[in-house]
Structures are given as C-alpha cells and as structure tokens.
C-alpha cells in the first residue's frame, strides 16, 4: 500500500479491496480519498471534522462497502456547522 514518490496514493479514489491469496475469508477494505479532510465516527455515530476552510462541500458517510450517504453543505468562515445523516 502506501504512497508513491509524489505523496499521492497509488490507487484512484474509491474503495480498494485487499485479499489474502491463502486464506479466502481474510479481506480488508480501504477507502482512498482525494482530500486530507476526513474523520472516523465514534462508536455512538457522532463525528467531528475540524479545520476546514469556508466553502461548499459534499459530505459523504461511508456506511459499508455498498452504502454511502451524501449531503451538500455550505460552511461560513469561523462557523460551526451541524450535519446529521439519517
């Protein structure tokens, strides 16, 4: 895995599946992103994404290998924004 010499991922953005050639039941999923802005939710489902500059964003919540939720938001300079997913 890792990055190339220019600091970018070797894979295009999206879901990468890693598999074991010996143990069929062993696999891993990695989400490759084009942004340094990401977070992982806590066990209760809450999350905090700090340090974003003002702007228009598309938030994506990756729930499983087949389900992603999206929501567009506008973040104003110095503001805190609450964005819940159903």
PDB file of N, CA and C in Angstrom:
ATOM      1  N   UNK A   1       0.852  -1.157   0.000  1.00  0.00           N
ATOM      2  CA  UNK A   1       0.000   0.000   0.000  1.00  0.00           C
ATOM      3  C   UNK A   1       0.902   1.224   0.000  1.00  0.00           C
ATOM      4  N   UNK A   2       0.560   2.226   0.787  1.00  0.00           N
ATOM      5  CA  UNK A   2       1.399   3.401   0.879  1.00  0.00           C
ATOM      6  C   UNK A   2       1.141   4.418  -0.217  1.00  0.00           C
ATOM      7  N   UNK A   3       2.136   5.266  -0.382  1.00  0.00           N
ATOM      8  CA  UNK A   3       2.014   6.335  -1.372  1.00  0.00           C
ATOM      9  C   UNK A   3       3.148   6.238  -2.372  1.00  0.00           C
ATOM     10  N   UNK A   4       2.979   6.909  -3.476  1.00  0.00           N
ATOM     11  CA  UNK A   4       4.037   6.971  -4.474  1.00  0.00           C
ATOM     12  C   UNK A   4       5.038   8.042  -4.051  1.00  0.00           C
ATOM     13  N   UNK A   5       6.045   8.273  -4.870  1.00  0.00           N
ATOM     14  CA  UNK A   5       7.088   9.243  -4.516  1.00  0.00           C
ATOM     15  C   UNK A   5       6.567  10.674  -4.457  1.00  0.00           C
ATOM     16  N   UNK A   6       5.427  10.971  -5.104  1.00  0.00           N
ATOM     17  CA  UNK A   6       4.890  12.336  -5.054  1.00  0.00           C
ATOM     18  C   UNK A   6       3.911  12.531  -3.902  1.00  0.00           C
ATOM     19  N   UNK A   7       3.793  11.530  -2.988  1.00  0.00           N
ATOM     20  CA  UNK A   7       2.926  11.667  -1.827  1.00  0.00           C
ATOM     21  C   UNK A   7       1.473  11.347  -2.078  1.00  0.00           C
ATOM     22  N   UNK A   8       1.129  10.945  -3.281  1.00  0.00           N
ATOM     23  CA  UNK A   8      -0.248  10.614  -3.621  1.00  0.00           C
ATOM     24  C   UNK A   8      -0.433   9.105  -3.588  1.00  0.00           C
ATOM     25  N   UNK A   9      -1.684   8.682  -3.442  1.00  0.00           N
ATOM     26  CA  UNK A   9      -1.995   7.263  -3.419  1.00  0.00           C
ATOM     27  C   UNK A   9      -1.688   6.617  -4.760  1.00  0.00           C
ATOM     28  N   UNK A  10      -1.350   5.355  -4.726  1.00  0.00           N
ATOM     29  CA  UNK A  10      -1.102   4.604  -5.959  1.00  0.00           C
ATOM     30  C   UNK A  10      -2.403   4.157  -6.607  1.00  0.00           C
ATOM     31  N   UNK A  11      -3.507   4.286  -5.891  1.00  0.00           N
ATOM     32  CA  UNK A  11      -4.807   3.868  -6.405  1.00  0.00           C
ATOM     33  C   UNK A  11      -5.703   5.071  -6.632  1.00  0.00           C
ATOM     34  N   UNK A  12      -6.617   4.977  -7.586  1.00  0.00           N
ATOM     35  CA  UNK A  12      -7.574   6.070  -7.795  1.00  0.00           C
ATOM     36  C   UNK A  12      -8.555   6.130  -6.626  1.00  0.00           C
ATOM     37  N   UNK A  13      -9.202   7.272  -6.420  1.00  0.00           N
ATOM     38  CA  UNK A  13     -10.162   7.394  -5.322  1.00  0.00           C
ATOM     39  C   UNK A  13     -11.254   6.336  -5.422  1.00  0.00           C
ATOM     40  N   UNK A  14     -11.667   5.851  -4.261  1.00  0.00           N
ATOM     41  CA  UNK A  14     -12.730   4.846  -4.195  1.00  0.00           C
ATOM     42  C   UNK A  14     -12.349   3.723  -3.256  1.00  0.00           C
ATOM     43  N   UNK A  15     -13.106   2.671  -3.292  1.00  0.00           N
ATOM     44  CA  UNK A  15     -12.944   1.534  -2.400  1.00  0.00           C
ATOM     45  C   UNK A  15     -11.953   0.534  -2.983  1.00  0.00           C
ATOM     46  N   UNK A  16     -10.964   0.172  -2.194  1.00  0.00           N
ATOM     47  CA  UNK A  16      -9.974  -0.834  -2.594  1.00  0.00           C
ATOM     48  C   UNK A  16     -10.171  -2.051  -1.690  1.00  0.00           C
ATOM     49  N   UNK A  17     -10.280  -3.225  -2.292  1.00  0.00           N
ATOM     50  CA  UNK A  17     -10.425  -4.465  -1.537  1.00  0.00           C
ATOM     51  C   UNK A  17      -9.096  -5.197  -1.522  1.00  0.00           C
ATOM     52  N   UNK A  18      -8.636  -5.540  -0.334  1.00  0.00           N
ATOM     53  CA  UNK A  18      -7.407  -6.309  -0.171  1.00  0.00           C
ATOM     54  C   UNK A  18      -7.798  -7.738   0.178  1.00  0.00           C
ATOM     55  N   UNK A  19      -7.165  -8.695  -0.464  1.00  0.00           N
ATOM     56  CA  UNK A  19      -7.499 -10.101  -0.231  1.00  0.00           C
ATOM     57  C   UNK A  19      -6.230 -10.897   0.050  1.00  0.00           C
ATOM     58  N   UNK A  20      -6.396 -11.958   0.809  1.00  0.00           N
ATOM     59  CA  UNK A  20      -5.317 -12.889   1.095  1.00  0.00           C
ATOM     60  C   UNK A  20      -5.389 -14.031   0.085  1.00  0.00           C
ATOM     61  N   UNK A  21      -4.268 -14.335  -0.561  1.00  0.00           N
ATOM     62  CA  UNK A  21      -4.237 -15.422  -1.537  1.00  0.00           C
ATOM     63  C   UNK A  21      -4.311 -16.806  -0.885  1.00  0.00           C
ATOM     64  N   UNK A  22      -4.007 -16.892   0.393  1.00  0.00           N
ATOM     65  CA  UNK A  22      -4.000 -18.185   1.080  1.00  0.00           C
ATOM     66  C   UNK A  22      -5.296 -18.420   1.851  1.00  0.00           C
ATOM     67  N   UNK A  23      -5.793 -17.410   2.532  1.00  0.00           N
ATOM     68  CA  UNK A  23      -6.993 -17.544   3.370  1.00  0.00           C
ATOM     69  C   UNK A  23      -8.138 -16.770   2.725  1.00  0.00           C
ATOM     70  N   UNK A  24      -9.037 -17.471   2.093  1.00  0.00           N
ATOM     71  CA  UNK A  24     -10.126 -16.840   1.341  1.00  0.00           C
ATOM     72  C   UNK A  24     -11.001 -15.929   2.204  1.00  0.00           C
ATOM     73  N   UNK A  25     -11.162 -16.257   3.487  1.00  0.00           N
ATOM     74  CA  UNK A  25     -12.028 -15.485   4.375  1.00  0.00           C
ATOM     75  C   UNK A  25     -11.392 -14.162   4.825  1.00  0.00           C
ATOM     76  N   UNK A  26     -10.112 -13.971   4.556  1.00  0.00           N
ATOM     77  CA  UNK A  26      -9.423 -12.761   5.001  1.00  0.00           C
ATOM     78  C   UNK A  26      -9.456 -11.698   3.910  1.00  0.00           C
ATOM     79  N   UNK A  27     -10.027 -10.539   4.248  1.00  0.00           N
ATOM     80  CA  UNK A  27     -10.048  -9.415   3.320  1.00  0.00           C
ATOM     81  C   UNK A  27     -10.122  -8.122   4.117  1.00  0.00           C
ATOM     82  N   UNK A  28      -9.748  -7.056   3.481  1.00  0.00           N
ATOM     83  CA  UNK A  28      -9.816  -5.740   4.100  1.00  0.00           C
ATOM     84  C   UNK A  28     -10.309  -4.733   3.082  1.00  0.00           C
ATOM     85  N   UNK A  29     -10.939  -3.676   3.566  1.00  0.00           N
ATOM     86  CA  UNK A  29     -11.440  -2.610   2.707  1.00  0.00           C
ATOM     87  C   UNK A  29     -10.736  -1.310   3.089  1.00  0.00           C
ATOM     88  N   UNK A  30     -10.282  -0.577   2.089  1.00  0.00           N
ATOM     89  CA  UNK A  30      -9.615   0.705   2.295  1.00  0.00           C
ATOM     90  C   UNK A  30     -10.296   1.729   1.402  1.00  0.00           C
ATOM     91  N   UNK A  31     -10.661   2.877   1.975  1.00  0.00           N
ATOM     92  CA  UNK A  31     -11.256   3.950   1.192  1.00  0.00           C
ATOM     93  C   UNK A  31     -10.152   4.936   0.830  1.00  0.00           C
ATOM     94  N   UNK A  32      -9.885   5.089  -0.458  1.00  0.00           N
ATOM     95  CA  UNK A  32      -8.870   6.028  -0.945  1.00  0.00           C
ATOM     96  C   UNK A  32      -9.566   7.359  -1.215  1.00  0.00           C
ATOM     97  N   UNK A  33      -9.040   8.429  -0.623  1.00  0.00           N
ATOM     98  CA  UNK A  33      -9.649   9.754  -0.733  1.00  0.00           C
ATOM     99  C   UNK A  33      -8.719  10.733  -1.436  1.00  0.00           C
ATOM    100  N   UNK A  34      -9.305  11.772  -2.044  1.00  0.00           N
ATOM    101  CA  UNK A  34      -8.533  12.829  -2.695  1.00  0.00           C
ATOM    102  C   UNK A  34      -8.397  14.056  -1.805  1.00  0.00           C
ATOM    103  N   UNK A  35      -8.628  13.909  -0.530  1.00  0.00           N
ATOM    104  CA  UNK A  35      -8.634  15.051   0.371  1.00  0.00           C
ATOM    105  C   UNK A  35      -7.965  14.693   1.693  1.00  0.00           C
ATOM    106  N   UNK A  36      -7.339  15.671   2.342  1.00  0.00           N
ATOM    107  CA  UNK A  36      -6.810  15.419   3.680  1.00  0.00           C
ATOM    108  C   UNK A  36      -7.883  15.583   4.763  1.00  0.00           C
ATOM    109  N   UNK A  37      -9.087  15.983   4.371  1.00  0.00           N
ATOM    110  CA  UNK A  37     -10.161  16.248   5.330  1.00  0.00           C
ATOM    111  C   UNK A  37     -11.065  15.024   5.443  1.00  0.00           C
ATOM    112  N   UNK A  38     -10.884  14.275   6.513  1.00  0.00           N
ATOM    113  CA  UNK A  38     -11.718  13.109   6.762  1.00  0.00           C
ATOM    114  C   UNK A  38     -11.694  12.797   8.257  1.00  0.00           C
ATOM    115  N   UNK A  39     -12.611  11.977   8.683  1.00  0.00           N
ATOM    116  CA  UNK A  39     -12.663  11.562  10.079  1.00  0.00           C
ATOM    117  C   UNK A  39     -13.339  10.203  10.164  1.00  0.00           C
ATOM    118  N   UNK A  40     -13.246   9.593  11.315  1.00  0.00           N
ATOM    119  CA  UNK A  40     -13.918   8.325  11.587  1.00  0.00           C
ATOM    120  C   UNK A  40     -14.889   8.587  12.731  1.00  0.00           C
ATOM    121  N   UNK A  41     -16.101   8.085  12.598  1.00  0.00           N
ATOM    122  CA  UNK A  41     -17.104   8.318  13.641  1.00  0.00           C
ATOM    123  C   UNK A  41     -16.765   7.531  14.901  1.00  0.00           C
ATOM    124  N   UNK A  42     -17.278   8.035  16.019  1.00  0.00           N
ATOM    125  CA  UNK A  42     -17.150   7.322  17.290  1.00  0.00           C
ATOM    126  C   UNK A  42     -18.125   6.150  17.294  1.00  0.00           C
ATOM    127  N   UNK A  43     -18.041   5.312  18.292  1.00  0.00           N
ATOM    128  CA  UNK A  43     -18.926   4.146  18.363  1.00  0.00           C
ATOM    129  C   UNK A  43     -20.393   4.539  18.454  1.00  0.00           C
ATOM    130  N   UNK A  44     -20.696   5.751  18.948  1.00  0.00           N
ATOM    131  CA  UNK A  44     -22.090   6.189  19.040  1.00  0.00           C
ATOM    132  C   UNK A  44     -22.571   6.876  17.753  1.00  0.00           C
ATOM    133  N   UNK A  45     -21.705   6.933  16.731  1.00  0.00           N
ATOM    134  CA  UNK A  45     -22.096   7.511  15.444  1.00  0.00           C
ATOM    135  C   UNK A  45     -21.788   8.982  15.278  1.00  0.00           C
ATOM    136  N   UNK A  46     -21.342   9.657  16.323  1.00  0.00           N
ATOM    137  CA  UNK A  46     -21.025  11.081  16.212  1.00  0.00           C
ATOM    138  C   UNK A  46     -19.645  11.258  15.572  1.00  0.00           C
ATOM    139  N   UNK A  47     -19.447  12.422  14.977  1.00  0.00           N
ATOM    140  CA  UNK A  47     -18.170  12.721  14.347  1.00  0.00           C
ATOM    141  C   UNK A  47     -17.892  14.210  14.427  1.00  0.00           C
ATOM    142  N   UNK A  48     -16.630  14.582  14.283  1.00  0.00           N
ATOM    143  CA  UNK A  48     -16.227  15.985  14.243  1.00  0.00           C
ATOM    144  C   UNK A  48     -15.145  16.114  13.180  1.00  0.00           C
ATOM    145  N   UNK A  49     -15.353  17.054  12.282  1.00  0.00           N
ATOM    146  CA  UNK A  49     -14.397  17.323  11.215  1.00  0.00           C
ATOM    147  C   UNK A  49     -13.969  18.772  11.374  1.00  0.00           C
ATOM    148  N   UNK A  50     -12.777  18.983  11.891  1.00  0.00           N
ATOM    149  CA  UNK A  50     -12.306  20.332  12.225  1.00  0.00           C
ATOM    150  C   UNK A  50     -11.247  20.808  11.230  1.00  0.00           C
ATOM    151  N   UNK A  51     -11.071  22.127  11.186  1.00  0.00           N
ATOM    152  CA  UNK A  51     -10.009  22.722  10.389  1.00  0.00           C
ATOM    153  C   UNK A  51     -10.330  22.932   8.925  1.00  0.00           C
ATOM    154  N   UNK A  52     -11.596  22.878   8.574  1.00  0.00           N
ATOM    155  CA  UNK A  52     -11.979  23.094   7.177  1.00  0.00           C
ATOM    156  C   UNK A  52     -12.056  24.584   6.863  1.00  0.00           C
ATOM    157  N   UNK A  53     -11.562  24.998   5.721  1.00  0.00           N
ATOM    158  CA  UNK A  53     -11.763  26.383   5.315  1.00  0.00           C
ATOM    159  C   UNK A  53     -13.216  26.588   4.869  1.00  0.00           C
ATOM    160  N   UNK A  54     -13.662  27.835   4.863  1.00  0.00           N
ATOM    161  CA  UNK A  54     -15.021  28.140   4.403  1.00  0.00           C
ATOM    162  C   UNK A  54     -15.191  27.657   2.972  1.00  0.00           C
ATOM    163  N   UNK A  55     -16.407  27.220   2.652  1.00  0.00           N
ATOM    164  CA  UNK A  55     -16.658  26.780   1.287  1.00  0.00           C
ATOM    165  C   UNK A  55     -17.852  25.857   1.184  1.00  0.00           C
ATOM    166  N   UNK A  56     -18.090  25.403  -0.034  1.00  0.00           N
ATOM    167  CA  UNK A  56     -19.176  24.469  -0.325  1.00  0.00           C
ATOM    168  C   UNK A  56     -18.577  23.062  -0.365  1.00  0.00           C
ATOM    169  N   UNK A  57     -19.184  22.132   0.373  1.00  0.00           N
ATOM    170  CA  UNK A  57     -18.649  20.783   0.488  1.00  0.00           C
ATOM    171  C   UNK A  57     -19.731  19.738   0.250  1.00  0.00           C
ATOM    172  N   UNK A  58     -19.284  18.584  -0.190  1.00  0.00           N
ATOM    173  CA  UNK A  58     -20.152  17.415  -0.251  1.00  0.00           C
ATOM    174  C   UNK A  58     -19.628  16.443   0.802  1.00  0.00           C
ATOM    175  N   UNK A  59     -20.405  16.263   1.879  1.00  0.00           N
ATOM    176  CA  UNK A  59     -20.044  15.307   2.925  1.00  0.00           C
ATOM    177  C   UNK A  59     -20.495  13.928   2.490  1.00  0.00           C
ATOM    178  N   UNK A  60     -19.653  12.952   2.708  1.00  0.00           N
ATOM    179  CA  UNK A  60     -20.005  11.574   2.389  1.00  0.00           C
ATOM    180  C   UNK A  60     -19.768  10.712   3.621  1.00  0.00           C
ATOM    181  N   UNK A  61     -20.759   9.932   3.976  1.00  0.00           N
ATOM    182  CA  UNK A  61     -20.644   8.991   5.088  1.00  0.00           C
ATOM    183  C   UNK A  61     -20.606   7.586   4.503  1.00  0.00           C
ATOM    184  N   UNK A  62     -19.473   6.915   4.681  1.00  0.00           N
ATOM    185  CA  UNK A  62     -19.297   5.562   4.170  1.00  0.00           C
ATOM    186  C   UNK A  62     -19.791   4.599   5.233  1.00  0.00           C
ATOM    187  N   UNK A  63     -20.923   3.947   4.981  1.00  0.00           N
ATOM    188  CA  UNK A  63     -21.533   3.050   5.956  1.00  0.00           C
ATOM    189  C   UNK A  63     -21.102   1.605   5.775  1.00  0.00           C
ATOM    190  N   UNK A  64     -20.900   1.203   4.553  1.00  0.00           N
ATOM    191  CA  UNK A  64     -20.466  -0.166   4.255  1.00  0.00           C
ATOM    192  C   UNK A  64     -19.884  -0.177   2.852  1.00  0.00           C
ATOM    193  N   UNK A  65     -19.473  -1.347   2.396  1.00  0.00           N
ATOM    194  CA  UNK A  65     -18.889  -1.431   1.061  1.00  0.00           C
ATOM    195  C   UNK A  65     -19.910  -1.172  -0.041  1.00  0.00           C
ATOM    196  N   UNK A  66     -21.190  -1.153   0.312  1.00  0.00           N
ATOM    197  CA  UNK A  66     -22.234  -0.923  -0.697  1.00  0.00           C
ATOM    198  C   UNK A  66     -23.119   0.281  -0.409  1.00  0.00           C
ATOM    199  N   UNK A  67     -22.890   0.985   0.700  1.00  0.00           N
ATOM    200  CA  UNK A  67     -23.795   2.088   1.063  1.00  0.00           C
ATOM    201  C   UNK A  67     -23.022   3.326   1.517  1.00  0.00           C
ATOM    202  N   UNK A  68     -23.253   4.432   0.797  1.00  0.00           N
ATOM    203  CA  UNK A  68     -22.669   5.729   1.134  1.00  0.00           C
ATOM    204  C   UNK A  68     -23.771   6.771   1.136  1.00  0.00           C
ATOM    205  N   UNK A  69     -23.806   7.623   2.159  1.00  0.00           N
ATOM    206  CA  UNK A  69     -24.760   8.724   2.218  1.00  0.00           C
ATOM    207  C   UNK A  69     -24.024  10.018   1.874  1.00  0.00           C
ATOM    208  N   UNK A  70     -24.712  10.943   1.190  1.00  0.00           N
ATOM    209  CA  UNK A  70     -24.106  12.220   0.807  1.00  0.00           C
ATOM    210  C   UNK A  70     -24.999  13.374   1.229  1.00  0.00           C
ATOM    211  N   UNK A  71     -24.345  14.492   1.536  1.00  0.00           N
ATOM    212  CA  UNK A  71     -25.081  15.711   1.892  1.00  0.00           C
ATOM    213  C   UNK A  71     -24.217  16.914   1.537  1.00  0.00           C
ATOM    214  N   UNK A  72     -24.778  17.866   0.797  1.00  0.00           N
ATOM    215  CA  UNK A  72     -24.048  19.083   0.450  1.00  0.00           C
ATOM    216  C   UNK A  72     -24.279  20.138   1.529  1.00  0.00           C
ATOM    217  N   UNK A  73     -23.202  20.841   1.895  1.00  0.00           N
ATOM    218  CA  UNK A  73     -23.274  21.864   2.942  1.00  0.00           C
ATOM    219  C   UNK A  73     -22.448  23.080   2.536  1.00  0.00           C
ATOM    220  N   UNK A  74     -22.799  24.218   3.109  1.00  0.00           N
ATOM    221  CA  UNK A  74     -22.025  25.450   2.953  1.00  0.00           C
ATOM    222  C   UNK A  74     -21.493  25.841   4.322  1.00  0.00           C
ATOM    223  N   UNK A  75     -20.190  25.960   4.434  1.00  0.00           N
ATOM    224  CA  UNK A  75     -19.548  26.328   5.696  1.00  0.00           C
ATOM    225  C   UNK A  75     -19.050  27.757   5.591  1.00  0.00           C
ATOM    226  N   UNK A  76     -19.515  28.599   6.507  1.00  0.00           N
ATOM    227  CA  UNK A  76     -19.096  30.000   6.530  1.00  0.00           C
ATOM    228  C   UNK A  76     -17.830  30.138   7.381  1.00  0.00           C
ATOM    229  N   UNK A  77     -17.035  31.139   7.099  1.00  0.00           N
ATOM    230  CA  UNK A  77     -15.784  31.367   7.812  1.00  0.00           C
ATOM    231  C   UNK A  77     -16.015  31.511   9.316  1.00  0.00           C
ATOM    232  N   UNK A  78     -15.282  30.756  10.117  1.00  0.00           N
ATOM    233  CA  UNK A  78     -15.373  30.830  11.581  1.00  0.00           C
ATOM    234  C   UNK A  78     -16.601  30.162  12.166  1.00  0.00           C
ATOM    235  N   UNK A  79     -17.422  29.562  11.344  1.00  0.00           N
ATOM    236  CA  UNK A  79     -18.673  28.978  11.832  1.00  0.00           C
ATOM    237  C   UNK A  79     -18.516  27.503  12.185  1.00  0.00           C
ATOM    238  N   UNK A  80     -19.445  27.032  13.011  1.00  0.00           N
ATOM    239  CA  UNK A  80     -19.576  25.602  13.301  1.00  0.00           C
ATOM    240  C   UNK A  80     -20.847  25.145  12.642  1.00  0.00           C
ATOM    241  N   UNK A  81     -20.785  24.045  11.960  1.00  0.00           N
ATOM    242  CA  UNK A  81     -21.942  23.523  11.204  1.00  0.00           C
ATOM    243  C   UNK A  81     -22.294  22.146  11.715  1.00  0.00           C
ATOM    244  N   UNK A  82     -23.564  21.907  11.951  1.00  0.00           N
ATOM    245  CA  UNK A  82     -24.026  20.584  12.337  1.00  0.00           C
ATOM    246  C   UNK A  82     -24.638  19.910  11.112  1.00  0.00           C
ATOM    247  N   UNK A  83     -24.156  18.729  10.794  1.00  0.00           N
ATOM    248  CA  UNK A  83     -24.656  17.991   9.634  1.00  0.00           C
ATOM    249  C   UNK A  83     -24.932  16.554  10.062  1.00  0.00           C
ATOM    250  N   UNK A  84     -26.197  16.231  10.183  1.00  0.00           N
ATOM    251  CA  UNK A  84     -26.617  14.895  10.580  1.00  0.00           C
ATOM    252  C   UNK A  84     -26.991  14.075   9.354  1.00  0.00           C
ATOM    253  N   UNK A  85     -26.730  12.799   9.430  1.00  0.00           N
ATOM    254  CA  UNK A  85     -27.177  11.873   8.404  1.00  0.00           C
ATOM    255  C   UNK A  85     -28.287  11.015   8.995  1.00  0.00           C
ATOM    256  N   UNK A  86     -29.312  10.738   8.179  1.00  0.00           N
ATOM    257  CA  UNK A  86     -30.430   9.935   8.717  1.00  0.00           C
ATOM    258  C   UNK A  86     -30.013   8.520   9.069  1.00  0.00           C
TER     259      UNK A  86
END
